[in-house]
Amino acid sequence: MTHELPALPYDYSALEPVIDTQTMKLHHDMHHGAYVKNLNAALEKHPNVQSKSAEELLRDLNAVPEDIRTAVRNNGGGHVNHTMFWKIMKPKGGGDPNGAIAAIIKKAFGNFKDFQAKFNDAGAKHFGSGWVWLVASPGSEDARIITTPNQDNPISQGLFPIMGNDVWEHAYYLKYNNRRPEYLAAWWNVVNWDEINKRVESLKSHREPALAHR
């Protein structure tokens, strides 16, 4: 079984003007594509772990053979992170959250505006490459904001990633240059709250997020 690059759920140009077409092509085809290729290459060395999903591998990295552990952490994380990322965006998205995610945000942060400000601030202040996340413990609805370096995923810390934004430079640099805060502010206009609510349902039912494509 090999991991596969999932197709984008919309056209490369669909998130314009928030995310430009060229960035989407490079980000999905080249960057995500490389993570999938490198993950498969690492797993070829150890057939006994090839049947595991990327999430299963990340959840217990200590069980991954040491000689491929870093490759699995980086590339498996990149695969899982980006598979989520494409899904939680959509054309003409954004607006105020609704349903279960709105309730979680209200409980943890008081209101959506304060949550946005804290999420953007955490993403802007994260040093170097990484991600900013809204997470909770599985089965809990007590959410908080964290950041992770590189392609680390919160599931490696025993946390459930409700949503996350990519703050690697390749996610925004062609359009926003070094203006990461501007990208973070604009990103809310393409957020897919319906998809995020599906992830909340997985959180509440103790299920894992939808598995990354294989």
Protein backbone atom coordinates (compact mmCIF):
# COMPACT_ATOMS: atom_id res chain seq x y z
CA MET A 1 0.00 0.00 0.00
CA THR A 2 1.39 3.39 -0.98
CA HIS A 3 0.33 6.84 0.07
CA GLU A 4 -1.12 9.02 -2.67
CA LEU A 5 -1.33 12.74 -3.29
CA PRO A 6 -5.00 13.74 -2.99
CA ALA A 7 -6.45 15.91 -5.73
CA LEU A 8 -7.40 19.43 -4.77
CA PRO A 9 -11.15 19.72 -4.10
CA TYR A 10 -11.25 22.85 -6.30
CA ASP A 11 -9.31 24.45 -9.15
CA TYR A 12 -5.86 25.93 -8.57
CA SER A 13 -7.33 29.39 -9.16
CA ALA A 14 -10.39 28.89 -6.96
CA LEU A 15 -8.98 30.65 -3.89
CA GLU A 16 -7.95 33.81 -5.74
CA PRO A 17 -7.32 36.53 -4.68
CA VAL A 18 -6.50 35.21 -1.20
CA ILE A 19 -4.15 32.48 -2.46
CA ASP A 20 -2.82 32.89 -5.98
CA THR A 21 -2.90 30.19 -8.64
CA GLN A 22 0.86 29.73 -8.89
CA THR A 23 1.22 29.28 -5.15
CA MET A 24 -1.49 26.62 -5.18
CA LYS A 25 0.21 24.72 -8.01
CA LEU A 26 3.61 24.79 -6.33
CA HIS A 27 2.24 24.09 -2.86
CA HIS A 28 0.05 21.15 -3.84
CA ASP A 29 1.93 19.55 -6.72
CA MET A 30 5.53 20.14 -5.70
CA HIS A 31 5.59 20.48 -1.92
CA HIS A 32 2.79 18.09 -0.92
CA GLY A 33 3.78 15.81 -3.76
CA ALA A 34 7.34 15.61 -2.43
CA TYR A 35 6.13 14.72 1.07
CA VAL A 36 4.13 11.80 -0.32
CA LYS A 37 7.01 10.60 -2.49
CA ASN A 38 9.52 10.80 0.35
CA LEU A 39 7.17 9.10 2.82
CA ASN A 40 6.69 6.17 0.46
CA ALA A 41 10.44 5.94 -0.13
CA ALA A 42 11.12 5.79 3.61
CA LEU A 43 8.49 3.11 4.21
CA GLU A 44 9.88 0.89 1.45
CA LYS A 45 12.70 0.01 3.82
CA HIS A 46 10.33 -1.44 6.43
CA PRO A 47 7.43 -3.50 5.02
CA ASN A 48 6.13 -4.15 8.56
CA VAL A 49 4.96 -0.53 8.91
CA GLN A 50 3.64 -0.04 5.38
CA SER A 51 0.10 -1.04 6.34
CA LYS A 52 -0.22 1.80 8.85
CA SER A 53 -1.89 5.08 7.98
CA ALA A 54 0.16 8.25 8.14
CA GLU A 55 -1.81 9.25 11.24
CA GLU A 56 -1.03 5.97 12.97
CA LEU A 57 2.66 6.43 12.26
CA LEU A 58 2.65 9.98 13.63
CA ARG A 59 0.66 9.05 16.72
CA ASP A 60 3.41 6.74 17.93
CA LEU A 61 6.66 7.88 16.38
CA ASN A 62 8.66 5.87 18.90
CA ALA A 63 7.28 2.73 17.28
CA VAL A 64 8.62 3.79 13.88
CA PRO A 65 12.04 2.25 13.08
CA GLU A 66 14.71 4.70 14.14
CA ASP A 67 16.43 4.91 10.77
CA ILE A 68 13.28 6.29 9.10
CA ARG A 69 11.70 8.06 12.09
CA THR A 70 12.76 11.57 11.10
CA ALA A 71 11.70 11.03 7.49
CA VAL A 72 8.29 9.75 8.62
CA ARG A 73 7.88 12.61 11.09
CA ASN A 74 8.66 15.24 8.46
CA ASN A 75 7.03 13.73 5.38
CA GLY A 76 4.17 11.91 7.07
CA GLY A 77 3.41 15.13 8.90
CA GLY A 78 3.57 17.09 5.67
CA HIS A 79 1.14 14.65 4.05
CA VAL A 80 -1.38 14.69 6.90
CA ASN A 81 -1.14 18.44 7.45
CA HIS A 82 -1.71 19.32 3.82
CA THR A 83 -4.47 16.78 3.28
CA MET A 84 -6.36 18.60 6.03
CA PHE A 85 -5.35 22.04 4.77
CA TRP A 86 -6.85 21.68 1.29
CA LYS A 87 -10.13 20.45 2.76
CA ILE A 88 -10.62 23.22 5.30
CA MET A 89 -10.51 25.87 2.57
CA LYS A 90 -13.02 26.58 -0.17
CA PRO A 91 -13.94 29.30 -2.68
CA LYS A 92 -16.17 31.99 -1.21
CA GLY A 93 -15.60 30.63 2.26
CA GLY A 94 -15.06 32.55 5.45
CA GLY A 95 -17.59 34.51 7.40
CA ASP A 96 -18.48 33.78 10.99
CA PRO A 97 -18.25 30.18 12.19
CA ASN A 98 -21.45 28.27 12.82
CA GLY A 99 -22.57 25.14 14.58
CA ALA A 100 -20.26 23.15 16.84
CA ILE A 101 -17.07 25.03 16.00
CA ALA A 102 -18.75 28.32 16.89
CA ALA A 103 -19.66 26.91 20.30
CA ILE A 104 -16.11 25.66 20.90
CA ILE A 105 -14.64 29.04 19.98
CA LYS A 106 -17.11 30.90 22.20
CA LYS A 107 -16.33 28.64 25.16
CA ALA A 108 -12.55 28.91 24.80
CA PHE A 109 -12.11 32.49 23.61
CA GLY A 110 -15.33 34.38 24.31
CA ASN A 111 -15.97 35.42 20.74
CA PHE A 112 -14.76 34.81 17.20
CA LYS A 113 -12.95 38.13 16.85
CA ASP A 114 -10.77 37.45 19.88
CA PHE A 115 -10.05 33.93 18.63
CA GLN A 116 -9.02 35.27 15.22
CA ALA A 117 -6.69 37.81 16.80
CA LYS A 118 -5.01 35.23 19.03
CA PHE A 119 -4.72 32.66 16.22
CA ASN A 120 -3.21 35.22 13.85
CA ASP A 121 -0.85 36.51 16.53
CA ALA A 122 0.41 33.01 17.30
CA GLY A 123 0.96 32.32 13.61
CA ALA A 124 2.72 35.63 13.00
CA LYS A 125 5.05 35.18 15.98
CA HIS A 126 5.97 31.57 15.22
CA PHE A 127 9.67 31.58 14.40
CA GLY A 128 10.60 29.96 11.13
CA SER A 129 8.53 27.36 9.32
CA GLY A 130 5.58 25.61 10.91
CA TRP A 131 1.85 25.64 11.57
CA VAL A 132 -0.62 27.37 13.86
CA TRP A 133 -3.42 25.15 15.18
CA LEU A 134 -6.64 25.04 17.13
CA VAL A 135 -6.46 21.79 19.06
CA ALA A 136 -8.21 19.85 21.79
CA SER A 137 -7.66 16.58 23.58
CA PRO A 138 -9.60 13.72 21.92
CA GLY A 139 -13.13 13.62 23.29
CA SER A 140 -12.81 17.07 24.88
CA GLU A 141 -14.12 20.39 23.62
CA ASP A 142 -11.67 22.52 25.64
CA ALA A 143 -9.73 24.02 22.77
CA ARG A 144 -6.53 26.00 22.70
CA ILE A 145 -4.10 27.48 20.17
CA ILE A 146 -0.64 26.02 19.67
CA THR A 147 2.08 26.20 17.05
CA THR A 148 4.32 23.39 15.82
CA PRO A 149 7.64 23.57 13.99
CA ASN A 150 8.25 22.26 10.48
CA GLN A 151 5.61 19.63 9.55
CA ASP A 152 4.97 18.35 13.08
CA ASN A 153 1.33 17.41 13.64
CA PRO A 154 -0.45 17.78 17.01
CA ILE A 155 -1.47 14.11 17.01
CA SER A 156 2.14 13.30 17.89
CA GLN A 157 1.44 15.16 21.17
CA GLY A 158 -1.80 13.27 21.78
CA LEU A 159 -3.90 16.22 20.60
CA PHE A 160 -6.66 16.48 18.01
CA PRO A 161 -6.06 19.11 15.28
CA ILE A 162 -9.40 20.84 14.75
CA MET A 163 -7.97 23.26 12.19
CA GLY A 164 -4.62 24.69 11.22
CA ASN A 165 -2.94 27.23 8.96
CA ASP A 166 0.36 26.72 7.18
CA VAL A 167 2.93 29.43 7.95
CA TRP A 168 5.76 28.03 5.86
CA GLU A 169 6.94 30.74 3.46
CA HIS A 170 6.01 28.61 0.46
CA ALA A 171 2.35 28.96 1.53
CA TYR A 172 2.27 32.71 0.97
CA TYR A 173 5.55 34.20 -0.26
CA LEU A 174 4.76 34.65 -3.96
CA LYS A 175 1.82 36.93 -3.19
CA TYR A 176 2.55 38.32 0.28
CA ASN A 177 6.37 38.26 0.29
CA ASN A 178 7.44 38.56 3.94
CA ARG A 179 4.07 39.92 5.08
CA ARG A 180 2.93 36.85 6.98
CA PRO A 181 0.39 38.78 9.11
CA GLU A 182 -1.32 39.99 5.93
CA TYR A 183 -1.62 36.41 4.67
CA LEU A 184 -2.96 35.22 8.03
CA ALA A 185 -5.62 37.94 8.04
CA ALA A 186 -6.70 37.22 4.45
CA TRP A 187 -6.85 33.45 4.96
CA TRP A 188 -10.09 33.66 6.93
CA ASN A 189 -11.89 34.56 3.69
CA VAL A 190 -11.40 31.01 2.36
CA VAL A 191 -12.00 28.99 5.53
CA ASN A 192 -14.46 26.11 5.10
CA TRP A 193 -16.42 26.02 8.35
CA ASP A 194 -18.55 23.07 7.16
CA GLU A 195 -15.45 20.90 6.84
CA ILE A 196 -14.13 22.09 10.19
CA ASN A 197 -17.45 21.15 11.78
CA LYS A 198 -16.97 17.62 10.38
CA ARG A 199 -13.65 17.52 12.20
CA VAL A 200 -15.37 18.67 15.40
CA GLU A 201 -17.77 15.74 15.08
CA SER A 202 -14.76 13.41 14.87
CA LEU A 203 -13.34 15.07 17.97
CA LYS A 204 -16.59 14.67 19.92
CA SER A 205 -17.04 11.03 18.96
CA HIS A 206 -13.43 10.13 19.83
CA ARG A 207 -12.79 9.23 16.18
CA GLU A 208 -9.64 10.23 14.40
CA PRO A 209 -9.65 12.90 11.70
CA ALA A 210 -10.32 11.60 8.21
CA LEU A 211 -7.36 9.52 7.16
CA ALA A 212 -4.86 11.04 4.75
CA HIS A 213 -5.18 9.59 1.27
CA ARG A 214 -3.27 6.39 0.56
